[in-house]
Amino acid sequence: MSGWIFFAESATQAISGFRNVSEQNGISISIVGMLLVFIVLSLITALLTALPHVVEKLNEIYPPSQEHHAPVQTSANDEEDAVLAAIGFVLHTQMARTRD
């Protein structure tokens, strides 16, 4: 019940400045908030620093696959398509220049 009385008293009196901060535990709330942010940022930094070492250990346990793929064979159709695409690009740019 005393909480309600305090609330009613604070509603009638206008408290301003540092007195308001000290009565509402503002300093302790600020310190706890800053400590929380510092701890979380420290944990993120530690995790990012340790990540390359963790990946290195995981590569020892699970090595990357050593599959070699055969080179891609180009056919005559692929070369013809590339030539046709180049001709189409040149024609398109020339027609765009003549319109302007």
N, C-alpha and C. Protein backbone atom coordinates (compact mmCIF):
# COMPACT_ATOMS: atom_id res chain seq x y z
N MET A 1 0.81 -1.19 0.00
CA MET A 1 0.00 0.00 0.00
C MET A 1 0.85 1.25 0.00
N SER A 2 2.05 1.15 0.58
CA SER A 2 2.90 2.35 0.64
C SER A 2 3.36 2.77 -0.75
N GLY A 3 3.41 1.81 -1.69
CA GLY A 3 3.77 2.15 -3.06
C GLY A 3 2.75 3.07 -3.70
N TRP A 4 1.48 2.83 -3.40
CA TRP A 4 0.43 3.67 -3.96
C TRP A 4 0.46 5.06 -3.35
N ILE A 5 0.80 5.14 -2.07
CA ILE A 5 0.90 6.45 -1.43
C ILE A 5 2.05 7.24 -2.04
N PHE A 6 3.19 6.56 -2.29
CA PHE A 6 4.31 7.24 -2.91
C PHE A 6 3.94 7.73 -4.30
N PHE A 7 3.20 6.90 -5.04
CA PHE A 7 2.78 7.28 -6.38
C PHE A 7 1.86 8.49 -6.33
N ALA A 8 0.96 8.51 -5.38
CA ALA A 8 0.04 9.64 -5.25
C ALA A 8 0.78 10.90 -4.84
N GLU A 9 1.78 10.77 -3.95
CA GLU A 9 2.55 11.93 -3.54
C GLU A 9 3.41 12.46 -4.68
N SER A 10 4.00 11.55 -5.46
CA SER A 10 4.87 12.01 -6.54
C SER A 10 4.05 12.64 -7.66
N ALA A 11 2.78 12.27 -7.78
CA ALA A 11 1.94 12.88 -8.80
C ALA A 11 1.61 14.32 -8.44
N THR A 12 1.55 14.62 -7.16
CA THR A 12 1.20 15.97 -6.76
C THR A 12 2.41 16.89 -6.71
N GLN A 13 3.59 16.34 -6.48
CA GLN A 13 4.80 17.15 -6.39
C GLN A 13 5.61 16.99 -7.67
N ALA A 14 6.05 18.08 -8.21
CA ALA A 14 6.87 18.04 -9.42
C ALA A 14 8.33 17.94 -8.99
N ILE A 15 8.95 16.80 -9.26
CA ILE A 15 10.36 16.60 -8.94
C ILE A 15 11.14 16.72 -10.23
N SER A 16 12.20 17.49 -10.19
CA SER A 16 12.97 17.66 -11.42
C SER A 16 14.46 17.59 -11.10
N GLY A 17 15.22 17.41 -12.16
CA GLY A 17 16.67 17.43 -12.02
C GLY A 17 17.23 16.15 -11.46
N PHE A 18 18.40 16.28 -10.81
CA PHE A 18 19.13 15.13 -10.29
C PHE A 18 18.38 14.45 -9.16
N ARG A 19 17.56 15.20 -8.44
CA ARG A 19 16.79 14.61 -7.34
C ARG A 19 15.82 13.56 -7.87
N ASN A 20 15.22 13.82 -9.01
CA ASN A 20 14.31 12.85 -9.64
C ASN A 20 15.07 11.59 -10.04
N VAL A 21 16.26 11.77 -10.58
CA VAL A 21 17.07 10.62 -10.99
C VAL A 21 17.46 9.78 -9.78
N SER A 22 17.89 10.43 -8.72
CA SER A 22 18.33 9.67 -7.54
C SER A 22 17.16 9.00 -6.83
N GLU A 23 16.00 9.61 -6.78
CA GLU A 23 14.85 9.00 -6.11
C GLU A 23 14.27 7.83 -6.89
N GLN A 24 14.42 7.85 -8.19
CA GLN A 24 13.86 6.77 -9.02
C GLN A 24 14.91 5.72 -9.38
N ASN A 25 16.05 5.71 -8.67
CA ASN A 25 17.13 4.75 -8.90
C ASN A 25 17.68 4.83 -10.33
N GLY A 26 17.74 6.00 -10.86
CA GLY A 26 18.22 6.18 -12.23
C GLY A 26 19.69 5.87 -12.39
N ILE A 27 20.49 6.16 -11.38
CA ILE A 27 21.93 5.91 -11.49
C ILE A 27 22.19 4.41 -11.52
N SER A 28 21.55 3.66 -10.64
CA SER A 28 21.76 2.21 -10.63
C SER A 28 21.23 1.57 -11.91
N ILE A 29 20.11 2.05 -12.41
CA ILE A 29 19.58 1.51 -13.67
C ILE A 29 20.54 1.80 -14.81
N SER A 30 21.12 2.99 -14.84
CA SER A 30 22.08 3.35 -15.89
C SER A 30 23.33 2.48 -15.81
N ILE A 31 23.83 2.26 -14.60
CA ILE A 31 25.04 1.44 -14.43
C ILE A 31 24.77 0.00 -14.86
N VAL A 32 23.62 -0.54 -14.47
CA VAL A 32 23.28 -1.91 -14.87
C VAL A 32 23.14 -2.01 -16.38
N GLY A 33 22.53 -1.03 -17.00
CA GLY A 33 22.39 -1.02 -18.46
C GLY A 33 23.73 -0.96 -19.17
N MET A 34 24.62 -0.10 -18.68
CA MET A 34 25.94 0.01 -19.31
C MET A 34 26.74 -1.27 -19.12
N LEU A 35 26.65 -1.89 -17.94
CA LEU A 35 27.34 -3.16 -17.71
C LEU A 35 26.78 -4.26 -18.62
N LEU A 36 25.49 -4.29 -18.80
CA LEU A 36 24.87 -5.28 -19.66
C LEU A 36 25.36 -5.12 -21.11
N VAL A 37 25.38 -3.91 -21.61
CA VAL A 37 25.86 -3.66 -22.97
C VAL A 37 27.34 -4.03 -23.09
N PHE A 38 28.14 -3.68 -22.09
CA PHE A 38 29.56 -4.01 -22.12
C PHE A 38 29.79 -5.51 -22.14
N ILE A 39 29.04 -6.24 -21.32
CA ILE A 39 29.21 -7.70 -21.26
C ILE A 39 28.80 -8.34 -22.58
N VAL A 40 27.69 -7.91 -23.14
CA VAL A 40 27.23 -8.50 -24.41
C VAL A 40 28.21 -8.19 -25.53
N LEU A 41 28.70 -6.96 -25.62
CA LEU A 41 29.66 -6.63 -26.66
C LEU A 41 30.97 -7.39 -26.46
N SER A 42 31.37 -7.61 -25.22
CA SER A 42 32.58 -8.41 -24.95
C SER A 42 32.39 -9.85 -25.40
N LEU A 43 31.20 -10.42 -25.14
CA LEU A 43 30.92 -11.78 -25.59
C LEU A 43 30.93 -11.88 -27.11
N ILE A 44 30.35 -10.91 -27.79
CA ILE A 44 30.35 -10.92 -29.25
C ILE A 44 31.77 -10.83 -29.78
N THR A 45 32.59 -9.98 -29.18
CA THR A 45 33.99 -9.87 -29.59
C THR A 45 34.74 -11.16 -29.37
N ALA A 46 34.51 -11.80 -28.22
CA ALA A 46 35.19 -13.07 -27.94
C ALA A 46 34.77 -14.15 -28.93
N LEU A 47 33.48 -14.21 -29.26
CA LEU A 47 33.01 -15.21 -30.22
C LEU A 47 33.59 -14.97 -31.61
N LEU A 48 33.64 -13.72 -32.04
CA LEU A 48 34.20 -13.42 -33.36
C LEU A 48 35.70 -13.68 -33.40
N THR A 49 36.37 -13.48 -32.29
CA THR A 49 37.81 -13.76 -32.23
C THR A 49 38.07 -15.26 -32.25
N ALA A 50 37.22 -16.04 -31.61
CA ALA A 50 37.42 -17.48 -31.54
C ALA A 50 36.92 -18.22 -32.78
N LEU A 51 36.13 -17.57 -33.60
CA LEU A 51 35.53 -18.23 -34.75
C LEU A 51 36.54 -18.83 -35.73
N PRO A 52 37.63 -18.15 -36.11
CA PRO A 52 38.59 -18.79 -37.02
C PRO A 52 39.22 -20.05 -36.43
N HIS A 53 39.47 -20.05 -35.13
CA HIS A 53 40.04 -21.23 -34.49
C HIS A 53 39.04 -22.39 -34.48
N VAL A 54 37.78 -22.07 -34.26
CA VAL A 54 36.74 -23.11 -34.26
C VAL A 54 36.60 -23.70 -35.65
N VAL A 55 36.62 -22.86 -36.67
CA VAL A 55 36.50 -23.35 -38.04
C VAL A 55 37.71 -24.20 -38.40
N GLU A 56 38.89 -23.82 -37.95
CA GLU A 56 40.09 -24.61 -38.21
C GLU A 56 39.98 -26.00 -37.58
N LYS A 57 39.49 -26.06 -36.35
CA LYS A 57 39.31 -27.36 -35.68
C LYS A 57 38.24 -28.20 -36.38
N LEU A 58 37.17 -27.54 -36.84
CA LEU A 58 36.14 -28.26 -37.57
C LEU A 58 36.65 -28.80 -38.90
N ASN A 59 37.56 -28.07 -39.54
CA ASN A 59 38.15 -28.55 -40.79
C ASN A 59 39.02 -29.77 -40.56
N GLU A 60 39.62 -29.89 -39.38
CA GLU A 60 40.39 -31.09 -39.06
C GLU A 60 39.46 -32.28 -38.86
N ILE A 61 38.32 -32.06 -38.23
CA ILE A 61 37.37 -33.14 -37.98
C ILE A 61 36.61 -33.50 -39.25
N TYR A 62 36.09 -32.49 -39.92
CA TYR A 62 35.34 -32.68 -41.16
C TYR A 62 36.07 -31.96 -42.29
N PRO A 63 37.02 -32.64 -42.95
CA PRO A 63 37.77 -31.95 -44.00
C PRO A 63 36.88 -31.62 -45.19
N PRO A 64 37.19 -30.54 -45.90
CA PRO A 64 36.39 -30.20 -47.08
C PRO A 64 36.56 -31.27 -48.16
N SER A 65 35.56 -31.44 -48.96
CA SER A 65 35.62 -32.48 -49.99
C SER A 65 36.68 -32.11 -51.03
N GLN A 66 37.32 -33.13 -51.55
CA GLN A 66 38.41 -32.93 -52.52
C GLN A 66 37.98 -33.36 -53.91
N GLU A 67 36.73 -33.19 -54.23
CA GLU A 67 36.24 -33.59 -55.54
C GLU A 67 36.73 -32.61 -56.60
N HIS A 68 37.22 -33.17 -57.67
CA HIS A 68 37.63 -32.34 -58.81
C HIS A 68 36.62 -32.58 -59.92
N HIS A 69 36.10 -31.52 -60.40
CA HIS A 69 35.11 -31.63 -61.45
C HIS A 69 35.80 -31.53 -62.80
N ALA A 70 35.26 -32.23 -63.73
CA ALA A 70 35.81 -32.18 -65.09
C ALA A 70 35.57 -30.79 -65.67
N PRO A 71 36.48 -30.33 -66.51
CA PRO A 71 36.26 -29.01 -67.11
C PRO A 71 35.01 -29.03 -68.00
N VAL A 72 34.36 -27.92 -68.05
CA VAL A 72 33.13 -27.81 -68.83
C VAL A 72 33.50 -27.80 -70.31
N GLN A 73 32.85 -28.68 -71.05
CA GLN A 73 33.10 -28.77 -72.48
C GLN A 73 32.22 -27.76 -73.19
N THR A 74 32.82 -26.96 -74.02
CA THR A 74 32.05 -26.01 -74.81
C THR A 74 31.77 -26.62 -76.16
N SER A 75 30.57 -26.46 -76.59
CA SER A 75 30.20 -27.00 -77.90
C SER A 75 30.17 -25.87 -78.92
N ALA A 76 29.98 -26.24 -80.14
CA ALA A 76 29.91 -25.25 -81.21
C ALA A 76 28.69 -24.36 -81.03
N ASN A 77 27.62 -24.91 -80.48
CA ASN A 77 26.41 -24.10 -80.27
C ASN A 77 26.66 -23.01 -79.24
N ASP A 78 27.44 -23.30 -78.20
CA ASP A 78 27.75 -22.29 -77.19
C ASP A 78 28.55 -21.14 -77.79
N GLU A 79 29.50 -21.47 -78.64
CA GLU A 79 30.30 -20.43 -79.28
C GLU A 79 29.46 -19.61 -80.24
N GLU A 80 28.57 -20.26 -80.96
CA GLU A 80 27.68 -19.53 -81.88
C GLU A 80 26.74 -18.62 -81.09
N ASP A 81 26.24 -19.10 -79.96
CA ASP A 81 25.36 -18.28 -79.13
C ASP A 81 26.10 -17.05 -78.61
N ALA A 82 27.36 -17.21 -78.23
CA ALA A 82 28.14 -16.08 -77.74
C ALA A 82 28.35 -15.06 -78.85
N VAL A 83 28.64 -15.51 -80.07
CA VAL A 83 28.83 -14.59 -81.19
C VAL A 83 27.52 -13.87 -81.50
N LEU A 84 26.41 -14.60 -81.50
CA LEU A 84 25.12 -13.98 -81.78
C LEU A 84 24.75 -12.96 -80.70
N ALA A 85 25.07 -13.27 -79.44
CA ALA A 85 24.80 -12.32 -78.36
C ALA A 85 25.63 -11.05 -78.53
N ALA A 86 26.89 -11.18 -78.95
CA ALA A 86 27.74 -10.02 -79.18
C ALA A 86 27.22 -9.17 -80.33
N ILE A 87 26.79 -9.84 -81.41
CA ILE A 87 26.24 -9.09 -82.56
C ILE A 87 24.97 -8.37 -82.15
N GLY A 88 24.11 -9.03 -81.38
CA GLY A 88 22.88 -8.40 -80.92
C GLY A 88 23.15 -7.20 -80.02
N PHE A 89 24.16 -7.31 -79.16
CA PHE A 89 24.51 -6.19 -78.29
C PHE A 89 25.00 -4.99 -79.10
N VAL A 90 25.84 -5.24 -80.10
CA VAL A 90 26.35 -4.15 -80.94
C VAL A 90 25.22 -3.50 -81.71
N LEU A 91 24.33 -4.29 -82.28
CA LEU A 91 23.20 -3.72 -83.00
C LEU A 91 22.31 -2.90 -82.08
N HIS A 92 22.08 -3.40 -80.87
CA HIS A 92 21.24 -2.67 -79.92
C HIS A 92 21.86 -1.32 -79.55
N THR A 93 23.16 -1.30 -79.27
CA THR A 93 23.80 -0.03 -78.89
C THR A 93 23.84 0.94 -80.06
N GLN A 94 24.04 0.44 -81.27
CA GLN A 94 24.05 1.32 -82.44
C GLN A 94 22.67 1.91 -82.68
N MET A 95 21.63 1.11 -82.53
CA MET A 95 20.26 1.63 -82.74
C MET A 95 19.89 2.63 -81.64
N ALA A 96 20.37 2.42 -80.44
CA ALA A 96 20.08 3.35 -79.35
C ALA A 96 20.77 4.69 -79.61
N ARG A 97 21.96 4.66 -80.18
CA ARG A 97 22.68 5.92 -80.48
C ARG A 97 22.00 6.69 -81.61
N THR A 98 21.47 5.97 -82.61
CA THR A 98 20.84 6.68 -83.73
C THR A 98 19.50 7.28 -83.33
N ARG A 99 18.83 6.71 -82.31
CA ARG A 99 17.56 7.28 -81.84
C ARG A 99 17.78 8.61 -81.13
N ASP A 100 18.88 8.73 -80.42
CA ASP A 100 19.14 9.96 -79.66
C ASP A 100 19.67 10.99 -80.57
